[in-house]
Amino acid sequence: MSQIATLHEAGRRAQIGDWVSAKAWYESALAKSVSAEGLAGIARACWWLGDVRAAVDYAQRAFAKYREEERFTEGAMLGIHLCIWYLTNFDNVAAARGWLSRAQHLADLSRDPVVSGWADLVTGYLAEDVEQGREAIERAAAAADTTSDADLAAMSLADLGLWHVTAGNIDRGLAMLDEAMAVTLAEPRRLLEVVVWSSCNMLAACSLLDDLKRATDWCRAADRFMETYGCPFLQARCRAHYGRILVATGRWQQAETELSRALSMSADTGRGPRTEALTALAELRLRQGAPEAALELLENADETAWGAVTQAFCLVAVERADEARALLHGELVVHDQQDPAFPAIVAALVEIDLLAGNVEEAAALVAPDAPAWRVSAFPRAAALLTRAAGLVAGVHGDETSARRQLAFALEIFARLELPFEAAQNELDLARLLAPSDRDAAVARARSALRRLEALGARREAGEAARFLRALGITPPPARPSVESLTAREQDVLILLAQGLTNPEIAQRLFLSPRTVGHHVSSILRKLGLRSRSEAAAYVARKTIRN
């Protein structure tokens, strides 16, 4: 087969999202002769496969080829890709600016208005001056309108949306991001990377606002794209945001995978993406009932508001409540009261104060005129504060107010599809109801226990079970769950279900066959299964998607 035909087949495979095959075809083409198309194509395939280092190496060689051949349009666009990769994957602003300058030089030589528009777009994203950044993005949007370039128009819309969110024009910005996501996920599309970039803008905005419901809805809308082309959350920071959403919405096994990838990807980046991945993974460990492991993760992360909340609850779990209170009081001082994380800090401090018997201090934090309520327009913030106020009312003996507020918080958590918080809230209601309505308390506690066991929240499930026993109810034995397995055991289970032998699993996971055998025995014991075939059937029933 000629090199042209080989490149054509590689491009066809890329268009259908078969990146492994596309890479192999590009490698075959390059073995015949080194070309700019082959180098650029394999760079793109490597990027989609998550091998960003290799992608950058191939792309830089392709850029040099394009420039040598005076193919300025292709070279400029590749330079823009390199700029974005250095910024979003390696958190390297200096390198990103350097590649933007190289791309702009070729864009000027190309005289292609679309390429110039892309250069303006990235210039706006990187601008230190906020207004200059907006003006550059708006120039890109104007170029998209003039040239009728749908990809540039969609990306300009997404960048302007994120700009407005960060500037405080939240409703306008979110509307733009919603429109950009709708456009980029629609068929047909030319530049698949626009889906990745728009998705990451959307997740960045939702993370900034703690708008997990919107992020969850768009992640689900992207399912079809993922099935064909792979995960669009390819940048380390973006994947960490996605992992946090998976933690919040109860898809913990998938969160484990995505956050592990984010940590691996962030090994060569700045500390920002790594901190976000570590913080989200620490929250997952806490919810799984492993506070010590969560604290170890947070030791390697920079300080953040969300990390402080997780750390405080970990400290309480290991009987260091005084340290937790001191930590959160410090966070109240240093964080802006308009920050969506501020109510979470307040709600956590209320809970810890109540445990310590500091009832009046807790009550002051959620008084009607308290600062935290100023950002209660954010749904999760409102639910957290309402739950906290309900807990305070319950301690004060105002059962009516407590029931109303806890029920309202539960409704919000359920609507936002936050199963862990909903289960906690239901257990709160059970404790409140126990003195006056035992049957209702038992029903609430049983429901909470089912939710927590399904999630794999061992510590909280244990609390629910103990509460039921205190009411004279023997809880049913915990149902076997994938979440009872370690991360490595889950890896082994998935490969076992694919029919691999122990030696084959060992080779795939870089373990010894004996270690794999120990894992298999542990898996069968924990899940109450008798054989490998039963394990495979279990995976088929559960589909291991959580």
Protein backbone atom coordinates (compact mmCIF):
# COMPACT_ATOMS: atom_id res chain seq x y z
CA MET A 1 0.00 0.00 0.00
CA SER A 2 1.32 3.46 -0.90
CA GLN A 3 2.07 6.03 1.75
CA ILE A 4 -0.86 8.19 0.56
CA ALA A 5 -3.25 5.26 0.91
CA THR A 6 -1.80 4.40 4.32
CA LEU A 7 -2.27 7.97 5.54
CA HIS A 8 -5.80 7.96 4.16
CA GLU A 9 -6.65 4.79 6.10
CA ALA A 10 -5.06 6.25 9.26
CA GLY A 11 -7.20 9.36 8.89
CA ARG A 12 -10.33 7.26 8.36
CA ARG A 13 -9.65 5.32 11.56
CA ALA A 14 -9.14 8.59 13.44
CA GLN A 15 -12.46 9.96 12.18
CA ILE A 16 -14.33 7.04 13.75
CA GLY A 17 -12.44 7.28 17.03
CA ASP A 18 -10.35 4.12 16.56
CA TRP A 19 -7.24 5.79 17.93
CA VAL A 20 -5.21 2.64 18.57
CA SER A 21 -5.64 1.52 15.00
CA ALA A 22 -5.09 5.05 13.67
CA LYS A 23 -1.80 5.25 15.53
CA ALA A 24 -0.66 1.93 14.06
CA TRP A 25 -1.49 3.09 10.54
CA TYR A 26 0.34 6.38 11.06
CA GLU A 27 3.36 4.44 12.33
CA SER A 28 3.22 2.34 9.18
CA ALA A 29 3.12 5.48 7.04
CA LEU A 30 6.06 7.02 8.87
CA ALA A 31 8.04 3.81 8.40
CA LYS A 32 7.73 4.37 4.65
CA SER A 33 8.61 8.07 4.74
CA VAL A 34 8.54 10.84 7.34
CA SER A 35 5.88 13.40 6.47
CA ALA A 36 4.24 16.30 8.24
CA GLU A 37 0.83 14.61 7.87
CA GLY A 38 2.09 11.40 9.42
CA LEU A 39 3.76 13.17 12.34
CA ALA A 40 0.73 15.40 12.99
CA GLY A 41 -1.63 12.44 12.71
CA ILE A 42 0.26 10.25 15.16
CA ALA A 43 0.57 13.21 17.53
CA ARG A 44 -3.20 13.57 17.53
CA ALA A 45 -3.75 9.84 18.07
CA CYS A 46 -1.29 9.83 20.99
CA TRP A 47 -3.08 12.78 22.55
CA TRP A 48 -6.45 11.07 22.38
CA LEU A 49 -4.88 7.95 23.88
CA GLY A 50 -3.55 9.99 26.81
CA ASP A 51 0.14 9.86 25.87
CA VAL A 52 0.62 13.61 25.87
CA ARG A 53 4.42 13.53 26.05
CA ALA A 54 4.60 11.51 22.84
CA ALA A 55 1.93 13.74 21.29
CA VAL A 56 3.99 16.86 21.98
CA ASP A 57 7.18 15.28 20.60
CA TYR A 58 5.52 14.24 17.34
CA ALA A 59 3.65 17.56 17.00
CA GLN A 60 6.83 19.61 17.41
CA ARG A 61 8.48 17.59 14.64
CA ALA A 62 5.40 18.04 12.45
CA PHE A 63 5.41 21.79 13.08
CA ALA A 64 9.02 22.00 11.89
CA LYS A 65 8.08 20.05 8.73
CA TYR A 66 5.11 22.29 7.96
CA ARG A 67 7.24 25.37 8.42
CA GLU A 68 10.02 23.95 6.25
CA GLU A 69 7.48 23.19 3.50
CA GLU A 70 5.93 26.69 3.92
CA ARG A 71 2.54 25.18 4.75
CA PHE A 72 1.74 27.99 7.09
CA THR A 73 -1.95 27.29 7.73
CA GLU A 74 -1.39 23.70 8.89
CA GLY A 75 1.68 24.73 10.88
CA ALA A 76 -0.14 27.57 12.63
CA MET A 77 -3.02 25.31 13.68
CA LEU A 78 -0.59 22.71 15.00
CA GLY A 79 1.21 25.45 16.95
CA ILE A 80 -2.12 26.41 18.50
CA HIS A 81 -2.67 22.80 19.52
CA LEU A 82 0.78 22.73 21.12
CA CYS A 83 0.01 25.95 22.96
CA ILE A 84 -3.18 24.46 24.39
CA TRP A 85 -1.49 21.16 25.30
CA TYR A 86 1.29 22.89 27.22
CA LEU A 87 -1.23 25.05 29.04
CA THR A 88 -3.87 22.46 29.90
CA ASN A 89 -1.82 19.29 30.26
CA PHE A 90 1.43 20.60 31.67
CA ASP A 91 0.26 23.82 33.34
CA ASN A 92 3.23 25.48 31.62
CA VAL A 93 2.18 29.03 30.77
CA ALA A 94 5.62 30.08 29.51
CA ALA A 95 5.77 27.23 26.98
CA ALA A 96 2.16 27.91 25.98
CA ARG A 97 2.96 31.55 25.27
CA GLY A 98 6.03 30.53 23.30
CA TRP A 99 4.03 28.22 21.06
CA LEU A 100 1.32 30.83 20.65
CA SER A 101 3.95 33.26 19.34
CA ARG A 102 5.19 30.67 16.87
CA ALA A 103 1.64 29.94 15.76
CA GLN A 104 0.85 33.65 15.34
CA HIS A 105 3.93 34.10 13.15
CA LEU A 106 2.75 31.37 10.77
CA ALA A 107 -0.84 32.63 10.97
CA ASP A 108 0.35 36.03 9.75
CA LEU A 109 2.16 34.36 6.88
CA SER A 110 -0.85 32.21 6.00
CA ARG A 111 -3.27 35.18 5.82
CA ASP A 112 -6.03 32.71 6.65
CA PRO A 113 -8.72 34.54 8.71
CA VAL A 114 -9.82 31.32 10.43
CA VAL A 115 -6.30 30.58 11.65
CA SER A 116 -5.92 34.19 12.79
CA GLY A 117 -9.20 33.80 14.64
CA TRP A 118 -7.89 30.74 16.48
CA ALA A 119 -4.74 32.67 17.38
CA ASP A 120 -6.88 35.50 18.76
CA LEU A 121 -8.94 32.99 20.73
CA VAL A 122 -5.93 31.49 22.49
CA THR A 123 -4.45 34.96 22.98
CA GLY A 124 -7.62 35.92 24.84
CA TYR A 125 -7.51 32.80 26.98
CA LEU A 126 -3.90 33.50 27.99
CA ALA A 127 -4.26 37.27 28.46
CA GLU A 128 -3.29 38.63 31.87
CA ASP A 129 -5.48 41.71 31.39
CA VAL A 130 -9.10 40.62 31.73
CA GLU A 131 -10.59 43.15 29.31
CA GLN A 132 -7.90 42.58 26.71
CA GLY A 133 -8.64 38.89 26.96
CA ARG A 134 -12.34 39.46 26.33
CA GLU A 135 -11.60 41.69 23.34
CA ALA A 136 -9.35 39.03 21.79
CA ILE A 137 -12.00 36.32 22.23
CA GLU A 138 -14.61 38.61 20.69
CA ARG A 139 -12.30 39.17 17.69
CA ALA A 140 -12.15 35.40 17.30
CA ALA A 141 -15.96 35.21 17.44
CA ALA A 142 -16.20 37.91 14.76
CA ALA A 143 -13.77 35.98 12.55
CA ALA A 144 -15.91 32.87 13.02
CA ASP A 145 -19.00 34.78 11.90
CA THR A 146 -17.22 36.24 8.86
CA THR A 147 -15.83 32.90 7.74
CA SER A 148 -18.81 30.75 8.89
CA ASP A 149 -16.41 28.47 10.77
CA ALA A 150 -18.61 26.48 13.16
CA ASP A 151 -15.75 25.09 15.27
CA LEU A 152 -14.21 28.50 15.92
CA ALA A 153 -17.66 29.91 16.67
CA ALA A 154 -18.42 27.17 19.20
CA MET A 155 -15.07 27.52 20.94
CA SER A 156 -15.36 31.32 21.04
CA LEU A 157 -18.75 30.91 22.67
CA ALA A 158 -17.32 28.51 25.25
CA ASP A 159 -14.39 30.80 26.05
CA LEU A 160 -16.65 33.84 26.37
CA GLY A 161 -18.93 31.81 28.62
CA LEU A 162 -16.07 30.93 30.94
CA TRP A 163 -14.87 34.55 30.83
CA HIS A 164 -18.30 35.82 31.94
CA VAL A 165 -18.53 33.24 34.75
CA THR A 166 -15.13 34.25 36.12
CA ALA A 167 -16.07 37.93 35.77
CA GLY A 168 -19.19 37.37 37.88
CA ASN A 169 -21.76 37.43 35.04
CA ILE A 170 -22.80 33.91 36.02
CA ASP A 171 -26.17 33.49 34.31
CA ARG A 172 -24.93 34.89 31.02
CA GLY A 173 -21.75 32.84 31.14
CA LEU A 174 -23.53 29.57 31.93
CA ALA A 175 -26.04 30.17 29.14
CA MET A 176 -23.15 30.58 26.70
CA LEU A 177 -21.44 27.43 27.97
CA ASP A 178 -24.69 25.46 27.69
CA GLU A 179 -25.10 26.61 24.09
CA ALA A 180 -21.46 25.80 23.29
CA MET A 181 -21.84 22.28 24.70
CA ALA A 182 -25.05 21.72 22.73
CA VAL A 183 -23.32 22.85 19.53
CA THR A 184 -20.13 20.86 20.00
CA LEU A 185 -21.90 17.60 20.89
CA ALA A 186 -24.21 17.85 17.88
CA GLU A 187 -23.49 16.05 14.61
CA PRO A 188 -21.79 16.65 12.28
CA ARG A 189 -18.58 18.08 13.67
CA ARG A 190 -15.20 18.62 12.05
CA LEU A 191 -12.69 19.31 14.80
CA LEU A 192 -13.24 16.75 17.56
CA GLU A 193 -10.89 18.61 19.86
CA VAL A 194 -13.46 21.39 20.21
CA VAL A 195 -15.59 18.96 22.21
CA VAL A 196 -12.66 18.43 24.57
CA TRP A 197 -11.92 22.12 24.99
CA SER A 198 -15.57 23.14 25.42
CA SER A 199 -16.16 20.32 27.89
CA CYS A 200 -13.21 21.42 29.98
CA ASN A 201 -14.43 25.03 29.97
CA MET A 202 -17.82 23.79 31.16
CA LEU A 203 -16.28 21.68 33.93
CA ALA A 204 -14.01 24.55 35.00
CA ALA A 205 -17.01 26.86 35.34
CA CYS A 206 -19.08 24.26 37.18
CA SER A 207 -16.19 23.53 39.53
CA LEU A 208 -15.74 27.24 40.21
CA LEU A 209 -19.45 27.56 41.05
CA ASP A 210 -19.84 24.13 42.65
CA ASP A 211 -22.60 23.50 40.10
CA LEU A 212 -22.31 19.72 40.14
CA LYS A 213 -25.79 19.15 38.71
CA ARG A 214 -25.06 21.03 35.49
CA ALA A 215 -21.70 19.29 35.18
CA THR A 216 -23.34 15.89 35.71
CA ASP A 217 -26.03 16.58 33.13
CA TRP A 218 -23.48 17.55 30.47
CA CYS A 219 -21.22 14.61 31.29
CA ARG A 220 -24.19 12.33 30.66
CA ALA A 221 -25.01 14.17 27.45
CA ALA A 222 -21.43 13.42 26.34
CA ASP A 223 -21.88 9.66 26.88
CA ARG A 224 -22.53 8.96 23.20
CA PHE A 225 -19.45 10.94 22.18
CA MET A 226 -17.41 8.98 24.74
CA GLU A 227 -18.61 5.66 23.37
CA THR A 228 -17.34 6.59 19.90
CA TYR A 229 -14.27 8.74 20.43
CA GLY A 230 -13.24 8.26 24.04
CA CYS A 231 -13.35 10.46 27.11
CA PRO A 232 -13.38 14.18 26.22
CA PHE A 233 -11.95 15.12 29.62
CA LEU A 234 -8.38 14.68 28.45
CA GLN A 235 -6.49 17.41 30.27
CA ALA A 236 -5.19 16.59 33.74
CA ARG A 237 -7.13 19.40 35.45
CA CYS A 238 -10.27 18.64 33.46
CA ARG A 239 -10.07 14.93 34.32
CA ALA A 240 -9.68 15.85 38.00
CA HIS A 241 -12.86 17.96 37.78
CA TYR A 242 -14.61 15.01 36.15
CA GLY A 243 -13.37 12.69 38.89
CA ARG A 244 -14.77 15.02 41.55
CA ILE A 245 -18.17 14.92 39.84
CA LEU A 246 -18.06 11.12 39.81
CA VAL A 247 -17.26 11.11 43.53
CA ALA A 248 -20.13 13.47 44.30
CA THR A 249 -22.66 11.53 42.22
CA GLY A 250 -21.76 8.16 43.74
CA ARG A 251 -19.94 6.58 40.80
CA TRP A 252 -16.96 5.76 42.95
CA GLN A 253 -15.34 3.00 40.94
CA GLN A 254 -15.29 5.17 37.83
CA ALA A 255 -14.01 8.06 39.95
CA GLU A 256 -11.15 5.88 41.15
CA THR A 257 -10.11 5.22 37.54
CA GLU A 258 -10.40 8.82 36.36
CA LEU A 259 -8.61 10.31 39.37
CA SER A 260 -5.79 7.78 39.11
CA ARG A 261 -5.38 8.80 35.47
CA ALA A 262 -5.47 12.46 36.44
CA LEU A 263 -2.71 11.88 38.99
CA SER A 264 -0.63 10.01 36.46
CA MET A 265 -1.14 12.74 33.87
CA SER A 266 -0.31 15.49 36.37
CA ALA A 267 3.08 14.01 37.27
CA ASP A 268 4.76 16.44 34.85
CA THR A 269 2.44 19.40 35.41
CA GLY A 270 2.36 22.25 37.84
CA ARG A 271 0.88 21.63 41.28
CA GLY A 272 -2.59 22.93 40.41
CA PRO A 273 -3.96 19.91 38.49
CA ARG A 274 -2.23 17.50 40.87
CA THR A 275 -3.75 19.21 43.91
CA GLU A 276 -7.22 19.00 42.42
CA ALA A 277 -6.82 15.29 41.72
CA LEU A 278 -5.38 14.58 45.17
CA THR A 279 -8.15 16.56 46.88
CA ALA A 280 -10.90 14.72 44.99
CA LEU A 281 -9.26 11.35 45.67
CA ALA A 282 -8.93 12.23 49.37
CA GLU A 283 -12.66 13.01 49.49
CA LEU A 284 -13.33 9.61 47.92
CA ARG A 285 -11.14 7.86 50.50
CA LEU A 286 -12.92 9.64 53.34
CA ARG A 287 -16.31 8.60 52.00
CA GLN A 288 -15.07 5.03 51.61
CA GLY A 289 -14.19 5.03 55.30
CA ALA A 290 -10.41 5.46 55.03
CA PRO A 291 -9.66 8.84 56.69
CA GLU A 292 -5.99 8.01 57.35
CA ALA A 293 -5.43 7.33 53.64
CA ALA A 294 -7.22 10.58 52.81
CA LEU A 295 -4.95 12.56 55.15
CA GLU A 296 -1.87 11.07 53.49
CA LEU A 297 -3.11 12.23 50.10
CA LEU A 298 -3.81 15.74 51.37
CA GLU A 299 -0.28 16.00 52.77
CA ASN A 300 0.96 16.05 49.16
CA ALA A 301 -1.57 18.64 47.97
CA ASP A 302 -1.63 22.41 48.22
CA GLU A 303 -4.22 23.96 50.54
CA THR A 304 -7.70 24.51 49.08
CA ALA A 305 -11.09 25.22 50.61
CA TRP A 306 -12.55 21.88 49.58
CA GLY A 307 -9.43 20.09 50.73
CA ALA A 308 -9.74 21.77 54.13
CA VAL A 309 -13.32 20.52 54.53
CA THR A 310 -12.23 16.97 53.69
CA GLN A 311 -9.24 17.25 56.00
CA ALA A 312 -11.40 18.50 58.87
CA PHE A 313 -13.77 15.55 58.65
CA CYS A 314 -10.78 13.19 58.44
CA LEU A 315 -9.37 14.73 61.63
CA VAL A 316 -12.69 14.24 63.39
CA ALA A 317 -12.75 10.61 62.26
CA VAL A 318 -9.32 10.00 63.80
CA GLU A 319 -10.33 11.79 67.03
CA ARG A 320 -8.50 15.06 66.41
CA ALA A 321 -11.58 17.29 66.50
CA ASP A 322 -9.79 20.28 68.07
CA GLU A 323 -7.40 20.40 65.12
CA ALA A 324 -10.37 20.19 62.75
CA ARG A 325 -12.08 23.18 64.40
CA ALA A 326 -8.90 25.25 64.33
CA LEU A 327 -8.37 24.41 60.67
CA LEU A 328 -11.86 25.47 59.63
CA HIS A 329 -11.80 28.65 61.71
CA GLY A 330 -8.64 29.57 59.85
CA GLU A 331 -10.34 28.85 56.52
CA LEU A 332 -13.22 31.18 57.39
CA VAL A 333 -10.72 34.01 57.74
CA VAL A 334 -8.77 33.46 54.52
CA HIS A 335 -11.60 32.60 52.10
CA ASP A 336 -13.83 35.12 50.39
CA GLN A 337 -17.40 34.96 51.68
CA GLN A 338 -18.62 34.97 48.07
CA ASP A 339 -16.70 31.77 47.33
CA PRO A 340 -19.11 28.85 46.72
CA ALA A 341 -16.88 26.76 49.02
CA PHE A 342 -17.49 29.15 51.93
CA PRO A 343 -20.87 27.61 52.91
CA ALA A 344 -19.28 24.14 52.87
CA ILE A 345 -16.67 25.35 55.37
CA VAL A 346 -19.41 26.82 57.55
CA ALA A 347 -21.58 23.70 57.37
CA ALA A 348 -18.62 21.48 58.29
CA LEU A 349 -17.73 23.73 61.23
CA VAL A 350 -21.35 23.65 62.46
CA GLU A 351 -21.34 19.86 62.42
CA ILE A 352 -18.01 19.67 64.26
CA ASP A 353 -19.06 22.33 66.80
CA LEU A 354 -22.24 20.39 67.57
CA LEU A 355 -20.23 17.22 68.13
CA ALA A 356 -18.06 19.16 70.58
CA GLY A 357 -21.06 20.67 72.36
CA ASN A 358 -20.43 24.22 71.11
CA VAL A 359 -24.09 24.75 70.30
CA GLU A 360 -24.26 28.54 70.46
CA GLU A 361 -21.18 28.95 68.27
CA ALA A 362 -22.74 26.59 65.74
CA ALA A 363 -26.04 28.48 65.86
CA ALA A 364 -24.32 31.81 65.21
CA LEU A 365 -22.75 30.42 62.01
CA VAL A 366 -26.17 29.65 60.47
CA ALA A 367 -28.20 32.53 61.92
CA PRO A 368 -30.45 34.16 59.27
CA ASP A 369 -28.06 37.11 58.87
CA ALA A 370 -24.87 35.00 58.80
CA PRO A 371 -22.47 35.70 55.87
CA ALA A 372 -22.66 32.16 54.50
CA TRP A 373 -26.26 32.60 53.36
CA ARG A 374 -25.16 35.27 50.86
CA VAL A 375 -24.02 32.56 48.43
CA SER A 376 -26.88 30.18 49.16
CA ALA A 377 -28.15 30.74 45.60
CA PHE A 378 -25.86 27.86 44.68
CA PRO A 379 -28.03 24.75 45.21
CA ARG A 380 -25.51 22.55 47.02
CA ALA A 381 -24.46 25.46 49.23
CA ALA A 382 -28.11 26.05 50.14
CA ALA A 383 -28.61 22.36 50.97
CA LEU A 384 -25.48 22.18 53.12
CA LEU A 385 -26.46 25.27 55.09
CA THR A 386 -30.07 24.17 55.45
CA ARG A 387 -28.94 20.80 56.79
CA ALA A 388 -26.61 22.56 59.23
CA ALA A 389 -29.43 24.84 60.40
CA GLY A 390 -31.65 21.79 60.81
CA LEU A 391 -29.04 20.07 62.97
CA VAL A 392 -28.81 23.17 65.17
CA ALA A 393 -32.59 23.37 65.49
CA GLY A 394 -32.68 19.71 66.50
CA VAL A 395 -30.12 20.27 69.28
CA HIS A 396 -32.17 23.26 70.49
CA GLY A 397 -35.22 20.99 70.74
CA ASP A 398 -37.18 22.66 67.92
CA GLU A 399 -38.24 19.43 66.22
CA THR A 400 -40.69 21.11 63.85
CA SER A 401 -38.11 23.48 62.41
CA ALA A 402 -35.46 20.76 62.33
CA ARG A 403 -37.72 18.34 60.44
CA ARG A 404 -38.68 21.01 57.93
CA GLN A 405 -35.10 22.06 57.25
CA LEU A 406 -33.65 18.56 57.10
CA ALA A 407 -36.44 17.42 54.78
CA PHE A 408 -35.83 20.42 52.52
CA ALA A 409 -32.09 19.72 52.42
CA LEU A 410 -32.78 16.08 51.61
CA GLU A 411 -35.01 17.14 48.73
CA ILE A 412 -32.23 19.32 47.29
CA PHE A 413 -29.58 16.64 47.65
CA ALA A 414 -31.87 14.13 45.92
CA ARG A 415 -32.61 16.57 43.11
CA LEU A 416 -28.91 17.28 42.65
CA GLU A 417 -28.26 13.51 42.57
CA LEU A 418 -25.83 13.60 45.49
CA PRO A 419 -26.46 10.18 47.08
CA PHE A 420 -23.89 10.38 49.88
CA GLU A 421 -25.22 13.68 51.23
CA ALA A 422 -28.80 12.43 50.81
CA ALA A 423 -28.04 9.31 52.84
CA GLN A 424 -26.36 11.35 55.59
CA ASN A 425 -29.36 13.65 55.67
CA GLU A 426 -31.77 10.73 55.93
CA LEU A 427 -29.81 9.37 58.90
CA ASP A 428 -30.03 12.86 60.48
CA LEU A 429 -33.81 12.70 60.13
CA ALA A 430 -33.88 9.21 61.66
CA ARG A 431 -31.98 10.43 64.73
CA LEU A 432 -34.29 13.43 65.06
CA LEU A 433 -37.45 11.32 64.80
CA ALA A 434 -36.38 8.50 67.14
CA PRO A 435 -37.74 10.00 70.43
CA SER A 436 -41.18 10.82 69.02
CA ASP A 437 -41.79 8.47 66.09
CA ARG A 438 -39.78 5.25 66.32
CA ASP A 439 -41.34 3.62 63.24
CA ALA A 440 -40.54 6.62 61.04
CA ALA A 441 -37.01 6.70 62.44
CA VAL A 442 -36.52 3.01 61.64
CA ALA A 443 -37.76 3.53 58.07
CA ARG A 444 -35.42 6.48 57.55
CA ALA A 445 -32.45 4.64 59.03
CA ARG A 446 -33.07 1.57 56.89
CA SER A 447 -33.25 3.71 53.78
CA ALA A 448 -30.01 5.49 54.73
CA LEU A 449 -28.29 2.16 55.39
CA ARG A 450 -29.29 0.82 51.97
CA ARG A 451 -27.97 3.94 50.26
CA LEU A 452 -24.69 3.92 52.15
CA GLU A 453 -24.06 0.21 51.61
CA ALA A 454 -24.77 0.60 47.89
CA LEU A 455 -22.20 3.38 47.71
CA GLY A 456 -19.58 1.53 49.73
CA ALA A 457 -19.52 4.16 52.50
CA ARG A 458 -18.39 1.75 55.19
CA ARG A 459 -18.03 4.15 58.12
CA GLU A 460 -21.41 5.86 57.69
CA ALA A 461 -23.11 2.53 56.94
CA GLY A 462 -21.72 1.27 60.25
CA GLU A 463 -23.21 4.28 62.03
CA ALA A 464 -26.62 3.60 60.46
CA ALA A 465 -26.43 -0.06 61.46
CA ARG A 466 -25.50 0.83 65.04
CA PHE A 467 -28.40 3.28 65.22
CA LEU A 468 -30.84 0.60 64.06
CA ARG A 469 -29.51 -1.83 66.68
CA ALA A 470 -30.01 0.85 69.34
CA LEU A 471 -33.68 0.94 68.29
CA GLY A 472 -33.90 -2.83 68.70
CA ILE A 473 -33.70 -3.58 64.97
CA THR A 474 -31.19 -6.08 63.62
CA PRO A 475 -30.00 -4.70 60.27
CA PRO A 476 -29.76 -7.14 57.39
CA PRO A 477 -26.26 -8.40 56.57
CA ALA A 478 -24.39 -6.09 54.23
CA ARG A 479 -24.78 -7.08 50.62
CA PRO A 480 -21.56 -7.92 48.77
CA SER A 481 -20.43 -4.94 46.74
CA VAL A 482 -17.66 -4.10 44.30
CA GLU A 483 -16.85 -1.16 46.56
CA SER A 484 -15.72 -3.60 49.26
CA LEU A 485 -12.79 -4.50 47.00
CA THR A 486 -9.51 -2.62 46.91
CA ALA A 487 -8.68 -0.71 43.73
CA ARG A 488 -6.24 -3.44 42.68
CA GLU A 489 -8.83 -6.17 43.36
CA GLN A 490 -11.28 -4.29 41.15
CA ASP A 491 -8.68 -4.25 38.36
CA VAL A 492 -8.17 -8.00 38.76
CA LEU A 493 -11.94 -8.65 38.79
CA ILE A 494 -12.49 -6.82 35.52
CA LEU A 495 -9.72 -8.79 33.77
CA LEU A 496 -10.88 -12.03 35.35
CA ALA A 497 -14.34 -11.42 33.91
CA GLN A 498 -12.76 -11.01 30.48
CA GLY A 499 -11.57 -14.61 30.72
CA LEU A 500 -7.89 -13.92 31.39
CA THR A 501 -5.89 -16.48 33.33
CA ASN A 502 -3.89 -15.56 36.43
CA PRO A 503 -0.59 -15.40 34.48
CA GLU A 504 -2.24 -13.21 31.84
CA ILE A 505 -3.66 -10.89 34.51
CA ALA A 506 -0.26 -10.78 36.19
CA GLN A 507 1.40 -9.73 32.95
CA ARG A 508 -1.23 -7.07 32.27
CA LEU A 509 -1.02 -5.56 35.77
CA PHE A 510 2.73 -6.10 36.32
CA LEU A 511 2.11 -8.43 39.27
CA SER A 512 3.30 -11.91 40.09
CA PRO A 513 0.88 -14.82 39.38
CA ARG A 514 0.96 -15.68 43.08
CA THR A 515 -0.16 -12.15 44.01
CA VAL A 516 -2.95 -12.36 41.45
CA GLY A 517 -4.02 -15.67 42.99
CA HIS A 518 -4.26 -14.01 46.41
CA HIS A 519 -6.34 -11.21 44.89
CA VAL A 520 -8.71 -13.69 43.22
CA SER A 521 -9.23 -15.57 46.49
CA SER A 522 -9.93 -12.30 48.31
CA ILE A 523 -12.39 -11.19 45.62
CA LEU A 524 -14.37 -14.41 45.81
CA ARG A 525 -14.46 -14.24 49.60
CA LYS A 526 -15.56 -10.61 49.78
CA LEU A 527 -18.27 -11.00 47.14
CA GLY A 528 -19.52 -14.35 48.46
CA LEU A 529 -18.76 -16.13 45.19
CA ARG A 530 -17.55 -19.70 44.65
CA SER A 531 -15.74 -19.62 41.32
CA ARG A 532 -14.23 -17.50 38.57
CA SER A 533 -17.28 -18.15 36.41
CA GLU A 534 -19.54 -16.79 39.16
CA ALA A 535 -17.29 -13.73 39.35
CA ALA A 536 -17.63 -13.23 35.59
CA ALA A 537 -21.40 -13.54 35.89
CA TYR A 538 -21.38 -11.04 38.76
CA VAL A 539 -19.52 -8.52 36.59
CA ALA A 540 -21.97 -9.11 33.75
CA ARG A 541 -24.92 -8.39 36.05
CA LYS A 542 -23.38 -5.29 37.59
CA THR A 543 -21.65 -4.19 34.37
CA ILE A 544 -18.99 -2.68 36.68
CA ARG A 545 -20.03 0.81 35.77
CA ASN A 546 -21.26 2.13 39.13
